[in-house]
């Protein structure tokens, strides 16, 4: 499974992880921002039941 967080209003053309690399103006997280997103995803997956 791959999880690709996107900023609000990311153009649909760049929703693919491979296409995202082509988006020169893409906002990119750094350092603690990336860690925070990873922790939020981890917490969500730990508390969300799988059916």
N, C-alpha and C. Protein backbone atom coordinates (compact mmCIF):
# COMPACT_ATOMS: atom_id res chain seq x y z
N UNK A 1 0.85 -1.15 0.00
CA UNK A 1 0.00 0.00 0.00
C UNK A 1 0.90 1.23 0.00
N UNK A 2 0.51 2.22 -0.77
CA UNK A 2 1.20 3.51 -0.79
C UNK A 2 0.21 4.58 -0.36
N UNK A 3 0.66 5.46 0.49
CA UNK A 3 -0.16 6.59 0.90
C UNK A 3 0.56 7.84 0.46
N UNK A 4 -0.11 8.64 -0.34
CA UNK A 4 0.50 9.86 -0.86
C UNK A 4 -0.32 11.06 -0.37
N UNK A 5 0.14 11.73 0.68
CA UNK A 5 -0.60 12.91 1.13
C UNK A 5 -0.53 14.01 0.07
N UNK A 6 -1.63 14.74 -0.06
CA UNK A 6 -1.65 15.84 -1.02
C UNK A 6 -2.09 17.12 -0.32
N UNK A 7 -1.54 18.20 -0.78
CA UNK A 7 -2.00 19.50 -0.31
C UNK A 7 -3.37 19.79 -0.90
N UNK A 8 -4.19 20.58 -0.21
CA UNK A 8 -5.46 20.99 -0.80
C UNK A 8 -5.20 21.66 -2.15
N UNK A 9 -6.08 21.42 -3.09
CA UNK A 9 -6.02 22.02 -4.43
C UNK A 9 -4.87 21.50 -5.29
N UNK A 10 -4.32 20.34 -4.95
CA UNK A 10 -3.32 19.74 -5.83
C UNK A 10 -4.01 19.40 -7.15
N UNK A 11 -3.46 19.86 -8.28
CA UNK A 11 -4.07 19.54 -9.57
C UNK A 11 -4.14 18.02 -9.76
N UNK A 12 -5.27 17.54 -10.24
CA UNK A 12 -5.48 16.10 -10.41
C UNK A 12 -4.38 15.45 -11.26
N UNK A 13 -3.83 16.21 -12.18
CA UNK A 13 -2.74 15.70 -13.03
C UNK A 13 -1.57 15.17 -12.20
N UNK A 14 -1.39 15.70 -10.99
CA UNK A 14 -0.25 15.34 -10.16
C UNK A 14 -0.60 14.45 -8.98
N UNK A 15 -1.73 13.78 -9.02
CA UNK A 15 -2.13 12.90 -7.92
C UNK A 15 -1.28 11.64 -7.85
N UNK A 16 -0.71 11.21 -8.93
CA UNK A 16 0.14 10.02 -8.93
C UNK A 16 1.50 10.36 -8.33
N UNK A 17 2.07 9.45 -7.52
CA UNK A 17 3.39 9.72 -6.96
C UNK A 17 4.45 9.99 -8.03
N UNK A 18 4.33 9.32 -9.17
CA UNK A 18 5.32 9.52 -10.23
C UNK A 18 5.12 10.88 -10.89
N UNK A 19 3.88 11.27 -11.10
CA UNK A 19 3.60 12.57 -11.72
C UNK A 19 3.94 13.72 -10.80
N UNK A 20 3.80 13.50 -9.51
CA UNK A 20 4.10 14.56 -8.55
C UNK A 20 5.53 15.07 -8.71
N UNK A 21 6.44 14.18 -9.07
CA UNK A 21 7.83 14.58 -9.28
C UNK A 21 7.97 15.57 -10.45
N UNK A 22 6.99 15.57 -11.35
CA UNK A 22 7.03 16.47 -12.50
C UNK A 22 6.50 17.87 -12.18
N UNK A 23 5.87 18.03 -11.02
CA UNK A 23 5.26 19.31 -10.64
C UNK A 23 6.32 20.18 -9.97
N UNK A 24 6.93 21.04 -10.73
CA UNK A 24 8.05 21.86 -10.23
C UNK A 24 7.63 22.79 -9.09
N UNK A 25 6.39 23.27 -9.10
CA UNK A 25 5.93 24.21 -8.07
C UNK A 25 5.28 23.51 -6.87
N UNK A 26 5.36 22.19 -6.81
CA UNK A 26 4.70 21.45 -5.73
C UNK A 26 5.24 21.88 -4.38
N UNK A 27 4.34 22.20 -3.44
CA UNK A 27 4.80 22.48 -2.09
C UNK A 27 5.31 21.17 -1.48
N UNK A 28 6.41 21.23 -0.80
CA UNK A 28 6.98 20.02 -0.20
C UNK A 28 7.30 20.28 1.26
N UNK A 29 6.92 19.31 2.08
CA UNK A 29 7.21 19.41 3.50
C UNK A 29 8.68 19.19 3.77
N UNK A 30 9.12 19.68 4.90
CA UNK A 30 10.52 19.47 5.30
C UNK A 30 10.56 19.10 6.78
N UNK A 31 11.55 18.33 7.14
CA UNK A 31 11.82 17.99 8.53
C UNK A 31 10.61 17.61 9.36
N UNK A 32 10.29 18.46 10.34
CA UNK A 32 9.21 18.17 11.28
C UNK A 32 7.85 18.09 10.60
N UNK A 33 7.65 18.78 9.50
CA UNK A 33 6.37 18.71 8.79
C UNK A 33 6.12 17.29 8.29
N UNK A 34 7.15 16.66 7.75
CA UNK A 34 7.02 15.29 7.25
C UNK A 34 6.77 14.33 8.41
N UNK A 35 7.50 14.51 9.48
CA UNK A 35 7.32 13.67 10.66
C UNK A 35 5.90 13.79 11.19
N UNK A 36 5.37 14.99 11.25
CA UNK A 36 4.01 15.22 11.75
C UNK A 36 2.97 14.50 10.89
N UNK A 37 3.10 14.58 9.58
CA UNK A 37 2.15 13.90 8.69
C UNK A 37 2.25 12.39 8.90
N UNK A 38 3.44 11.86 9.00
CA UNK A 38 3.61 10.42 9.20
C UNK A 38 2.98 9.97 10.52
N UNK A 39 3.15 10.74 11.57
CA UNK A 39 2.56 10.40 12.86
C UNK A 39 1.04 10.46 12.81
N UNK A 40 0.49 11.45 12.12
CA UNK A 40 -0.97 11.55 11.99
C UNK A 40 -1.54 10.35 11.24
N UNK A 41 -0.87 9.94 10.19
CA UNK A 41 -1.32 8.78 9.41
C UNK A 41 -1.23 7.52 10.27
N UNK A 42 -0.12 7.35 10.96
CA UNK A 42 0.08 6.18 11.83
C UNK A 42 -1.00 6.11 12.89
N UNK A 43 -1.27 7.20 13.56
CA UNK A 43 -2.30 7.22 14.60
C UNK A 43 -3.67 6.87 14.02
N UNK A 44 -3.99 7.41 12.87
CA UNK A 44 -5.27 7.14 12.22
C UNK A 44 -5.40 5.64 11.92
N UNK A 45 -4.35 5.06 11.36
CA UNK A 45 -4.40 3.64 11.00
C UNK A 45 -4.48 2.74 12.23
N UNK A 46 -3.90 3.17 13.33
CA UNK A 46 -3.93 2.36 14.55
C UNK A 46 -5.31 2.35 15.22
N UNK A 47 -6.08 3.41 15.08
CA UNK A 47 -7.36 3.49 15.76
C UNK A 47 -8.55 3.21 14.85
N UNK A 48 -8.33 3.11 13.56
CA UNK A 48 -9.41 2.87 12.60
C UNK A 48 -9.58 1.37 12.41
N UNK A 49 -10.79 0.85 12.72
CA UNK A 49 -11.00 -0.60 12.54
C UNK A 49 -11.02 -0.98 11.06
N UNK A 50 -10.51 -2.13 10.77
CA UNK A 50 -10.52 -2.66 9.40
C UNK A 50 -11.65 -3.66 9.28
N UNK A 51 -12.45 -3.54 8.29
CA UNK A 51 -13.55 -4.48 8.08
C UNK A 51 -13.29 -5.35 6.86
